[in-house]
Protein backbone atom coordinates (compact mmCIF):
# COMPACT_ATOMS: atom_id res chain seq x y z
CA MET A 1 67.18 107.21 10.99
CA LYS A 2 71.17 108.59 11.05
CA LYS A 3 74.04 105.69 11.02
CA LYS A 4 75.03 107.32 14.94
CA GLU A 5 71.83 107.07 16.10
CA ILE A 6 71.92 103.40 14.88
CA VAL A 7 74.90 102.94 16.60
CA GLU A 8 73.74 104.25 20.07
CA ALA A 9 70.58 102.27 19.67
CA PHE A 10 72.51 99.37 19.40
CA ASN A 11 74.81 100.65 22.42
CA SER A 12 71.95 100.59 24.52
CA ILE A 13 71.16 97.37 24.43
CA HIS A 14 73.88 96.95 27.19
CA LYS A 15 72.64 99.54 29.29
CA SER A 16 68.97 99.77 29.58
CA ALA A 17 67.48 96.23 31.62
CA GLU A 18 64.04 97.66 30.86
CA TYR A 19 64.56 98.21 27.25
CA LEU A 20 65.75 94.57 27.14
CA GLN A 21 62.62 93.44 28.87
CA SER A 22 60.70 94.90 26.41
CA LEU A 23 62.36 93.44 23.40
CA PHE A 24 62.69 90.18 24.50
CA GLY A 25 59.53 89.55 26.82
CA THR A 26 57.87 86.13 26.46
CA GLY A 27 55.65 86.96 23.76
CA VAL A 28 58.92 87.70 21.44
CA LYS A 29 60.57 84.78 19.27
CA LEU A 30 63.76 84.61 18.07
CA ASN A 31 63.05 85.41 14.47
CA GLU A 32 61.55 88.54 15.39
CA SER A 33 64.15 89.64 17.20
CA PHE A 34 66.47 89.27 14.52
CA GLU A 35 64.19 90.62 12.15
CA GLN A 36 64.49 93.94 14.11
CA ALA A 37 68.12 94.32 14.13
CA VAL A 38 68.42 93.50 10.44
CA GLU A 39 65.74 96.19 10.04
CA MET A 40 67.89 98.62 11.62
CA VAL A 41 71.32 97.29 9.97
CA GLY A 42 69.49 98.04 6.68
CA LYS A 43 68.00 101.80 7.24
CA ALA A 44 72.00 102.60 7.17
CA ILE A 45 73.60 99.98 5.15
CA SER A 46 73.19 98.54 1.66
CA PHE A 47 73.85 94.61 2.11
CA ASP A 48 72.17 91.88 -0.35
CA LYS A 49 71.66 89.34 2.42
CA ILE A 50 72.54 88.18 6.10
CA ILE A 51 73.20 84.83 7.26
CA VAL A 52 72.77 84.34 10.96
CA VAL A 53 73.92 81.11 12.46
CA TRP A 54 73.95 80.21 15.72
CA LYS A 55 74.17 77.19 18.25
CA SER A 56 70.95 76.70 20.43
CA GLN A 57 72.45 75.21 22.75
CA GLU A 58 75.98 75.27 24.31
CA ARG A 59 77.38 72.01 23.25
CA SER A 60 75.33 71.58 19.68
CA ARG A 61 76.68 72.75 16.23
CA TYR A 62 76.10 75.85 14.94
CA ALA A 63 73.04 74.57 12.66
CA ASN A 64 70.33 77.04 13.29
CA PHE A 65 69.97 79.80 10.83
CA PHE A 66 68.26 83.11 10.00
CA LEU A 67 67.92 84.20 6.43
CA SER A 68 67.25 87.88 5.33
CA GLY A 69 67.15 89.66 2.35
CA ASP A 70 68.24 88.11 -1.55
CA CYS A 71 69.40 84.58 0.17
CA GLY A 72 66.54 82.54 -1.20
CA TYR A 73 66.72 78.96 -0.64
CA ILE A 74 70.02 77.63 0.95
CA GLY A 75 70.84 73.83 0.80
CA LYS A 76 72.08 71.29 3.26
CA VAL A 77 75.73 71.56 1.17
CA GLU A 78 75.36 75.25 1.36
CA LYS A 79 74.53 74.77 5.11
CA GLU A 80 77.21 72.52 5.91
CA ILE A 81 79.87 74.82 4.13
CA ILE A 82 78.47 78.12 6.60
CA SER A 83 79.05 75.58 9.70
CA SER A 84 82.40 74.79 9.21
CA ILE A 85 82.84 78.41 8.76
CA VAL A 86 81.30 79.19 11.62
CA GLU A 87 83.19 76.42 13.70
CA SER A 88 86.71 78.16 12.47
CA ALA A 89 85.94 81.25 13.38
CA ALA A 90 84.98 79.74 16.89
CA TYR A 91 88.52 78.21 17.00
CA GLU A 92 90.36 81.32 15.59
CA PHE A 93 88.20 83.23 18.32
CA LYS A 94 89.69 81.36 21.15
CA ALA A 95 93.15 81.27 19.84
CA SER A 96 93.14 84.97 19.73
CA LYS A 97 93.65 87.30 22.63
CA GLU A 98 92.33 90.05 20.20
CA PRO A 99 88.59 91.37 20.90
CA PRO A 100 85.81 89.94 18.66
CA ALA A 101 85.91 92.20 15.37
CA PRO A 102 83.94 91.83 12.53
CA ILE A 103 86.62 90.52 9.20
CA MET A 104 86.13 90.39 5.59
CA LEU A 105 85.81 86.78 4.80
CA ASN A 106 87.76 86.91 1.50
CA GLU A 107 91.00 87.87 3.32
CA SER A 108 90.79 85.62 6.36
CA PRO A 109 92.53 82.13 4.83
CA GLY A 110 92.64 80.86 8.60
CA ILE A 111 88.84 80.59 9.07
CA LEU A 112 87.99 79.85 4.93
CA GLY A 113 90.24 77.21 5.00
CA GLU A 114 89.55 75.13 1.92
CA HIS A 115 85.59 75.53 1.53
CA ASP A 116 84.61 77.55 -1.48
CA ILE A 117 82.43 80.02 -1.02
CA THR A 118 81.49 80.54 -4.83
CA ALA A 119 78.80 77.89 -4.01
CA LEU A 120 77.44 80.76 -1.74
CA ASP A 121 76.96 83.16 -4.25
CA LEU A 122 78.93 85.78 -1.79
CA HIS A 123 80.68 88.68 -3.64
CA THR A 124 82.27 90.78 -0.56
CA PRO A 125 81.62 88.77 2.52
CA LEU A 126 81.77 90.36 5.66
CA PHE A 127 81.79 87.69 8.82
CA ALA A 128 81.06 89.49 12.57
CA PRO A 129 80.98 87.43 15.38
CA ILE A 130 78.14 86.66 17.83
CA VAL A 131 80.21 86.56 21.30
CA SER A 132 78.46 87.43 24.66
CA LYS A 133 80.55 86.96 28.18
CA GLY A 134 83.66 86.04 26.13
CA THR A 135 81.42 83.26 24.59
CA PHE A 136 81.26 82.67 21.35
CA ILE A 137 77.99 81.54 20.14
CA GLY A 138 77.29 82.27 16.22
CA GLY A 139 78.13 84.57 13.62
CA ILE A 140 76.85 86.87 10.94
CA LEU A 141 77.89 86.80 7.05
CA CYS A 142 76.55 90.04 5.55
CA ASP A 143 77.11 90.33 1.99
CA SER A 144 77.46 93.19 -0.44
CA ASP A 145 77.82 94.12 -4.24
CA ASN A 146 79.90 96.86 -3.15
CA PRO A 147 83.00 96.30 -1.10
CA GLU A 148 83.13 100.28 -0.05
CA GLU A 149 79.95 99.33 2.14
CA TRP A 150 82.14 98.12 4.72
CA THR A 151 83.62 101.00 6.52
CA GLU A 152 84.54 101.10 9.85
CA GLU A 153 81.26 103.10 11.09
CA ASN A 154 79.50 100.30 8.86
CA CYS A 155 81.27 97.45 10.70
CA GLY A 156 80.62 99.24 13.96
CA ILE A 157 76.45 98.55 13.46
CA ILE A 158 77.16 95.18 12.41
CA ALA A 159 78.82 94.50 15.59
CA GLY A 160 75.95 96.21 17.25
CA ALA A 161 73.80 94.23 15.43
CA CYS A 162 75.79 91.48 16.56
CA ASP A 163 75.61 92.49 20.28
CA PHE A 164 71.62 92.49 20.02
CA MET A 165 71.71 89.10 18.47
CA ALA A 166 74.03 88.12 20.95
CA PHE A 167 71.28 89.11 23.75
CA ALA A 168 68.32 87.41 21.96
CA ILE A 169 70.28 83.94 21.80
CA LEU A 170 70.85 83.86 25.46
CA HIS A 171 67.36 85.00 26.28
CA ASP A 172 66.09 82.21 23.86
CA ARG A 173 67.99 79.83 25.71
CA ASN A 174 67.44 81.09 28.49
CA LYS A 175 63.41 80.86 28.27
CA ALA A 176 63.99 76.86 27.08
CA VAL A 177 66.46 76.35 29.91
CA LEU A 178 63.60 77.86 32.22
CA ALA A 179 60.73 76.09 30.73
CA GLU A 180 62.72 72.54 30.93
CA ALA A 181 63.28 73.45 34.52
CA ARG A 182 59.25 74.32 35.33
CA THR A 183 58.53 71.35 33.70
CA ASN A 184 61.14 68.95 36.13
CA VAL A 185 59.90 70.99 38.89
CA GLU A 186 56.72 70.33 38.41
CA GLN A 187 57.43 66.40 38.06
CA ALA A 188 59.46 65.93 41.03
CA SER A 189 56.66 67.74 43.00
CA ARG A 190 54.06 65.11 41.80
CA SER A 191 56.62 62.45 41.97
CA LYS A 192 57.17 63.54 46.01
CA ASN A 193 53.35 63.90 46.65
CA ASP A 194 53.06 60.23 45.06
CA PHE A 195 55.96 59.22 46.54
CA LEU A 196 54.26 61.03 50.23
CA SER A 197 50.99 59.19 49.43
CA ARG A 198 52.71 55.64 48.86
CA ILE A 199 54.60 56.20 51.94
CA ASN A 200 51.71 56.92 53.96
CA HIS A 201 49.84 53.64 53.12
CA GLU A 202 52.83 51.60 53.33
CA LEU A 203 53.30 52.85 56.98
CA ARG A 204 49.80 52.56 57.75
CA THR A 205 49.03 48.62 56.48
CA PRO A 206 51.87 47.27 59.20
CA LEU A 207 51.19 49.47 61.76
CA ASN A 208 47.43 48.42 61.49
CA THR A 209 48.27 45.01 61.15
CA ILE A 210 50.07 45.73 64.39
CA ILE A 211 47.51 47.27 66.20
CA GLY A 212 44.66 44.85 65.27
CA MET A 213 46.64 41.56 65.74
CA THR A 214 47.44 43.24 69.37
CA LYS A 215 43.63 43.69 70.13
CA ILE A 216 42.76 40.06 68.52
CA GLY A 217 45.52 38.39 70.53
CA GLU A 218 44.98 40.36 73.88
CA ARG A 219 41.05 39.36 73.92
CA SER A 220 42.01 35.46 72.62
CA GLY A 221 41.55 33.28 75.07
CA ASN A 222 42.92 30.29 72.88
CA LEU A 223 46.59 29.77 72.84
CA ASN A 224 47.37 28.73 69.35
CA LYS A 225 45.15 32.05 67.98
CA ALA A 226 47.60 34.40 70.04
CA LEU A 227 51.04 32.61 68.84
CA GLU A 228 49.05 33.53 65.78
CA CYS A 229 48.90 36.96 66.12
CA ILE A 230 51.78 37.13 67.45
CA GLU A 231 54.02 35.87 63.96
CA GLU A 232 51.46 38.38 62.01
CA ILE A 233 52.84 41.42 64.27
CA GLU A 234 56.32 40.09 63.79
CA LYS A 235 55.91 39.80 59.78
CA ALA A 236 54.23 43.49 59.73
CA SER A 237 57.27 44.73 62.45
CA ARG A 238 59.71 43.70 59.94
CA GLN A 239 58.07 45.25 57.25
CA LEU A 240 57.74 48.43 59.15
CA LEU A 241 61.69 48.13 59.83
CA SER A 242 62.37 47.55 57.05
CA ILE A 243 60.55 50.68 54.88
CA ILE A 244 61.51 53.53 57.58
CA ASN A 245 65.30 51.41 57.35
CA ASP A 246 65.45 52.47 53.91
CA ILE A 247 63.81 55.89 54.50
CA LEU A 248 66.78 56.62 56.82
CA ASP A 249 69.42 55.22 54.54
CA MET A 250 67.92 57.28 51.46
CA SER A 251 68.13 60.14 53.62
CA LYS A 252 71.96 59.85 54.84
CA ILE A 253 73.34 59.22 50.61
CA GLU A 254 71.31 62.71 50.28
CA SER A 255 73.08 64.33 53.10
CA ASN A 256 76.19 62.22 52.13
CA LYS A 257 76.50 60.48 55.61
CA LEU A 258 76.16 56.87 54.67
CA ALA A 259 79.58 55.13 54.89
CA ILE A 260 80.53 52.34 53.18
CA SER A 261 82.84 49.80 55.35
CA GLU A 262 85.40 47.35 55.08
CA ASP A 263 85.25 44.10 56.56
CA VAL A 264 86.31 40.61 56.01
CA PHE A 265 83.08 38.61 55.28
CA SER A 266 82.29 34.81 53.43
CA LEU A 267 80.57 35.11 50.21
CA GLU A 268 79.12 31.67 50.86
CA ASN A 269 77.71 32.48 53.92
CA MET A 270 76.12 35.94 53.08
CA LEU A 271 74.20 33.95 50.02
CA ILE A 272 73.06 31.20 52.77
CA ASP A 273 71.69 33.55 54.90
CA ILE A 274 69.69 35.11 51.95
CA ALA A 275 68.58 31.82 50.36
CA ASN A 276 67.50 30.72 53.97
CA GLU A 277 65.05 33.63 54.24
CA TYR A 278 64.05 33.88 50.40
CA ALA A 279 63.37 30.25 49.79
CA VAL A 280 60.61 30.66 52.81
CA LYS A 281 58.76 33.49 51.23
CA ALA A 282 59.26 32.21 47.56
CA ASP A 283 57.62 28.61 48.51
CA GLU A 284 54.52 30.92 50.17
CA LYS A 285 54.07 32.17 46.52
CA LYS A 286 54.95 28.37 45.54
CA GLN A 287 57.47 30.02 43.32
CA ASP A 288 60.67 28.10 42.34
CA PHE A 289 63.99 29.98 43.80
CA ARG A 290 67.24 28.77 42.73
CA VAL A 291 70.66 29.88 44.10
CA TYR A 292 73.43 29.57 41.58
CA ILE A 293 77.57 30.41 42.87
CA ASP A 294 80.21 30.37 40.27
CA LEU A 295 82.26 27.72 41.51
CA LYS A 296 85.72 29.39 40.34
CA ALA A 297 85.05 32.73 42.77
CA PRO A 298 86.89 33.04 45.96
CA GLU A 299 84.99 32.52 49.12
CA TYR A 300 86.36 35.46 51.05
CA TYR A 301 86.44 39.28 49.99
CA PHE A 302 86.81 42.76 51.77
CA GLY A 303 83.73 44.36 51.49
CA ASP A 304 80.25 45.54 52.73
CA GLU A 305 78.54 42.77 53.51
CA ALA A 306 75.57 44.36 54.73
CA ARG A 307 75.03 46.48 52.23
CA ILE A 308 75.85 43.83 49.55
CA SER A 309 73.33 41.81 51.11
CA GLN A 310 70.34 45.19 51.20
CA VAL A 311 70.92 45.41 47.64
CA ILE A 312 70.29 41.69 46.78
CA VAL A 313 67.44 41.42 49.17
CA ASN A 314 65.68 44.68 47.68
CA LEU A 315 66.08 42.86 44.26
CA LEU A 316 64.88 39.71 45.48
CA SER A 317 61.70 41.35 47.56
CA ASN A 318 60.57 42.91 44.03
CA ALA A 319 61.30 39.79 42.08
CA VAL A 320 59.06 37.87 44.55
CA LYS A 321 56.61 40.63 44.68
CA PHE A 322 55.76 41.12 41.01
CA SER A 323 56.12 37.49 40.20
CA PRO A 324 53.23 35.47 40.43
CA GLU A 325 52.35 32.09 41.75
CA GLY A 326 53.93 29.34 40.28
CA GLY A 327 56.65 31.84 38.97
CA MET A 328 60.89 30.88 38.80
CA ILE A 329 63.20 33.07 41.00
CA SER A 330 66.81 32.73 40.73
CA LEU A 331 69.95 34.57 42.00
CA ASP A 332 73.18 34.11 40.27
CA VAL A 333 76.61 35.29 41.50
CA SER A 334 79.42 34.92 38.97
CA LEU A 335 82.69 35.86 38.86
CA LEU A 336 83.56 38.53 35.86
CA ASP A 337 87.43 38.67 35.96
CA ILE A 338 90.61 38.95 38.73
CA SER A 339 92.94 41.79 38.36
CA GLY A 340 95.48 41.60 41.00
CA ASP A 341 93.73 40.92 44.44
CA VAL A 342 90.34 42.59 43.12
CA ALA A 343 87.10 40.46 41.58
CA HIS A 344 84.54 41.85 39.66
CA MET A 345 81.51 40.43 40.34
CA ARG A 346 78.18 40.28 39.45
CA PHE A 347 75.10 39.57 41.25
CA GLY A 348 71.78 38.90 38.98
CA VAL A 349 68.56 38.92 39.89
CA THR A 350 66.25 36.73 37.06
CA ASP A 351 62.29 36.85 37.48
CA SER A 352 59.47 35.76 35.10
CA GLY A 353 57.34 38.41 36.57
CA ILE A 354 55.18 41.34 34.88
CA GLY A 355 58.02 42.76 33.30
CA ILE A 356 58.10 46.48 32.83
CA LYS A 357 58.44 48.49 29.72
CA THR A 358 61.26 50.03 27.79
CA ASP A 359 60.12 53.91 28.80
CA ASN A 360 59.15 53.18 32.08
CA ILE A 361 62.80 51.69 32.42
CA LYS A 362 64.19 55.07 32.68
CA ARG A 363 62.37 55.73 35.48
CA LEU A 364 62.97 52.95 37.65
CA PHE A 365 66.36 53.89 39.43
CA GLU A 366 65.24 58.00 40.35
CA LEU A 367 64.04 59.25 43.68
CA PHE A 368 60.28 58.89 44.08
CA GLU A 369 59.55 57.53 40.81
CA GLN A 370 58.18 53.99 40.02
CA GLY A 371 57.81 51.83 37.06
CA ASP A 372 54.54 51.32 36.34
CA GLY A 373 52.50 53.42 38.78
CA GLY A 374 48.91 51.53 38.14
CA LYS A 375 50.95 48.30 38.66
CA THR A 376 52.78 49.80 41.89
CA ARG A 377 49.73 50.31 43.19
CA LYS A 378 48.63 46.76 43.23
CA TYR A 379 51.72 45.33 44.47
CA GLY A 380 52.48 48.34 47.08
CA GLY A 381 56.15 49.41 47.87
CA THR A 382 57.53 52.90 48.45
CA GLY A 383 59.65 53.80 45.04
CA ILE A 384 62.94 54.49 46.66
CA GLY A 385 63.79 50.75 46.89
CA LEU A 386 65.88 50.69 43.37
CA THR A 387 67.19 54.22 44.12
CA LEU A 388 68.74 52.92 47.23
CA CYS A 389 69.90 50.23 45.35
CA LYS A 390 71.66 52.20 42.47
CA ARG A 391 73.31 54.46 44.84
CA ILE A 392 74.87 51.71 46.95
CA VAL A 393 76.08 49.97 44.13
CA GLU A 394 77.43 53.20 42.45
CA MET A 395 79.05 54.06 46.31
CA MET A 396 81.15 50.42 45.91
CA GLY A 397 82.55 51.20 42.42
CA GLY A 398 79.61 49.56 40.59
CA GLU A 399 77.27 49.25 38.36
CA ILE A 400 73.46 48.56 38.27
CA ARG A 401 71.23 47.50 34.94
CA VAL A 402 68.34 46.01 34.14
CA ALA A 403 66.85 43.96 31.23
CA SER A 404 63.01 43.47 30.75
CA VAL A 405 60.61 42.07 28.37
CA PRO A 406 56.44 42.82 29.66
CA GLY A 407 55.00 40.09 30.17
CA SER A 408 57.89 37.75 30.27
CA GLY A 409 60.33 39.00 33.44
CA SER A 410 63.17 40.62 33.96
CA VAL A 411 66.82 40.60 35.14
CA PHE A 412 68.36 43.37 37.48
CA SER A 413 72.33 42.68 37.78
CA PHE A 414 75.14 44.78 39.55
CA VAL A 415 78.30 44.42 38.63
CA ILE A 416 81.31 45.47 41.97
CA PRO A 417 84.71 45.36 42.31
CA LEU A 418 85.82 43.63 45.73
CA LYS A 419 89.33 43.09 47.33
CA ILE A 420 90.05 39.12 47.47
CA PHE A 421 91.18 37.98 51.21
CA ARG A 422 93.67 35.21 50.75
CA GLU A 423 94.07 33.97 53.89
CA GLY A 424 90.54 33.28 55.48
CA PRO A 425 89.61 30.12 56.97
CA GLY A 426 87.92 29.06 53.88
CA ALA A 427 90.92 30.08 51.85
CA ASP A 428 91.86 26.10 51.59
CA LYS A 429 89.29 24.07 50.85
CA ALA A 430 91.57 20.72 50.75
CA LEU A 431 90.11 18.55 53.04
CA HIS A 432 93.41 16.22 54.01
CA GLY A 433 93.16 12.68 54.81
CA ILE A 434 90.04 12.21 52.87
CA ASP A 435 90.34 10.71 49.16
CA MET A 436 86.77 12.61 47.80
CA SER A 437 87.48 9.96 44.92
CA LEU A 438 85.95 6.89 47.10
CA VAL A 439 82.60 8.82 47.59
CA LYS A 440 79.66 8.20 45.69
CA VAL A 441 76.66 10.69 45.26
CA LEU A 442 73.12 9.94 43.67
CA LEU A 443 70.15 12.97 43.39
CA ILE A 444 66.92 12.69 42.12
CA ASP A 445 65.51 16.04 41.18
CA ASP A 446 63.23 16.21 38.48
CA ASP A 447 64.42 20.27 37.05
CA PRO A 448 67.21 19.47 34.79
CA ALA A 449 68.95 23.08 35.56
CA ALA A 450 69.25 21.73 39.56
CA ARG A 451 70.67 18.57 38.31
CA GLU A 452 73.64 19.83 36.12
CA TYR A 453 74.29 22.61 38.50
CA PHE A 454 74.69 19.92 41.52
CA LEU A 455 76.93 17.63 39.13
CA LYS A 456 79.61 20.83 38.54
CA ILE A 457 79.61 21.31 42.23
CA MET A 458 80.32 17.61 42.85
CA SER A 459 82.73 17.65 40.51
CA SER A 460 84.51 20.35 41.86
CA PHE A 461 85.24 18.15 44.98
CA ARG A 462 85.67 15.18 42.92
CA ILE A 463 83.17 13.55 43.88
CA LYS A 464 81.68 10.81 41.65
CA ALA A 465 77.60 11.67 41.12
CA LYS A 466 74.82 10.68 39.36
CA VAL A 467 71.62 12.35 39.09
CA CYS A 468 67.79 11.03 37.74
CA ALA A 469 64.70 12.70 37.25
CA SER A 470 63.13 10.00 39.80
CA TYR A 471 63.26 7.25 41.73
CA LYS A 472 61.85 5.19 39.40
């Protein structure tokens, strides 16, 4: 084959999509494409070795090697030297406005730098950049004992080989991206189908309860029985409304229509409302439910009370659901710091439930996903609650985290910045005209943590208090 024909063969890569398709079909591997290019170069140029270096991903290092000719074995040190040379070449390429062209490495101190290429056993190495659409993706080191081999015509052949290899590398990247995208789509499809199955069950359960209790109450001639039915209908209705609200909120977030408001609210009153609701739910499972508030935290803030409550309620609902009877659940609210008028508040929910495996934690906050499909089928749930929590917290400029030990429990916490409102009705907590040091309080509680927390509260009001575990 003549040199002119070889150059034309390489140039045809740019012009013929069908030719590219045949070269880089799904059955052709990257190394096979490189071998084809090196074989075509070898028909026109007498070289000793060719080393191809490239990136597998756009942000990765130049750490992929293809060796041809009399390369022998290239060790780690030699590969590091070559990778550094290619990195320097990439920098030079970005800084230069000249089109990429093969250069003699020995005559390019800017690229060679302080690297000693004698360790690479190169004689008259030619370096040619592999570039695609203005992006530097690798390079070819081509060495020959005869410096006269590097004529302008032969350099053109090497440049054609670089174009050939650029298409091969990009095609290989695209195959990997497409394979990953296909896997993600398939996973998303499975997750969505699982979600639809779960949501179908979660909606049917309260609806069936409402319909069933309505019929029973209608046919019952007993007033007490009818009242029990009404109570069950109310519980099921609240459950159904909660599911529908979560779905609608998630839909708003996905379409960027969910807004975070900023109104004045009392942290203490918000927590009292939440505690009153979940104290009853925890009591139904004989769970120990506690609420701890940092006494240094301000009382009034600007923020979206409803959305903050929604996140806390969602986390508490999971804690009650996944904790056994007699388990422990706590809500801890603490002040991390104050910067100007902004307080960074941490809200944490701790439970003694089933816990979460490390591999499953990564999936917890993904839409349509649940930590453990088997366990969540047992306990119920739609799989959008935690995703909704994460999105709401992030919209408020915060971050949500989880730490868990399987079989021991979990801690879900989120930190959000809240602007302090310093002129609220509770801003001045001083009790004018009352000497609180004269007040004495006795608390009897068998929980050491509750006794300690009570003493802290009394101390903040300068109230003398004593605690004991029993009345004896």
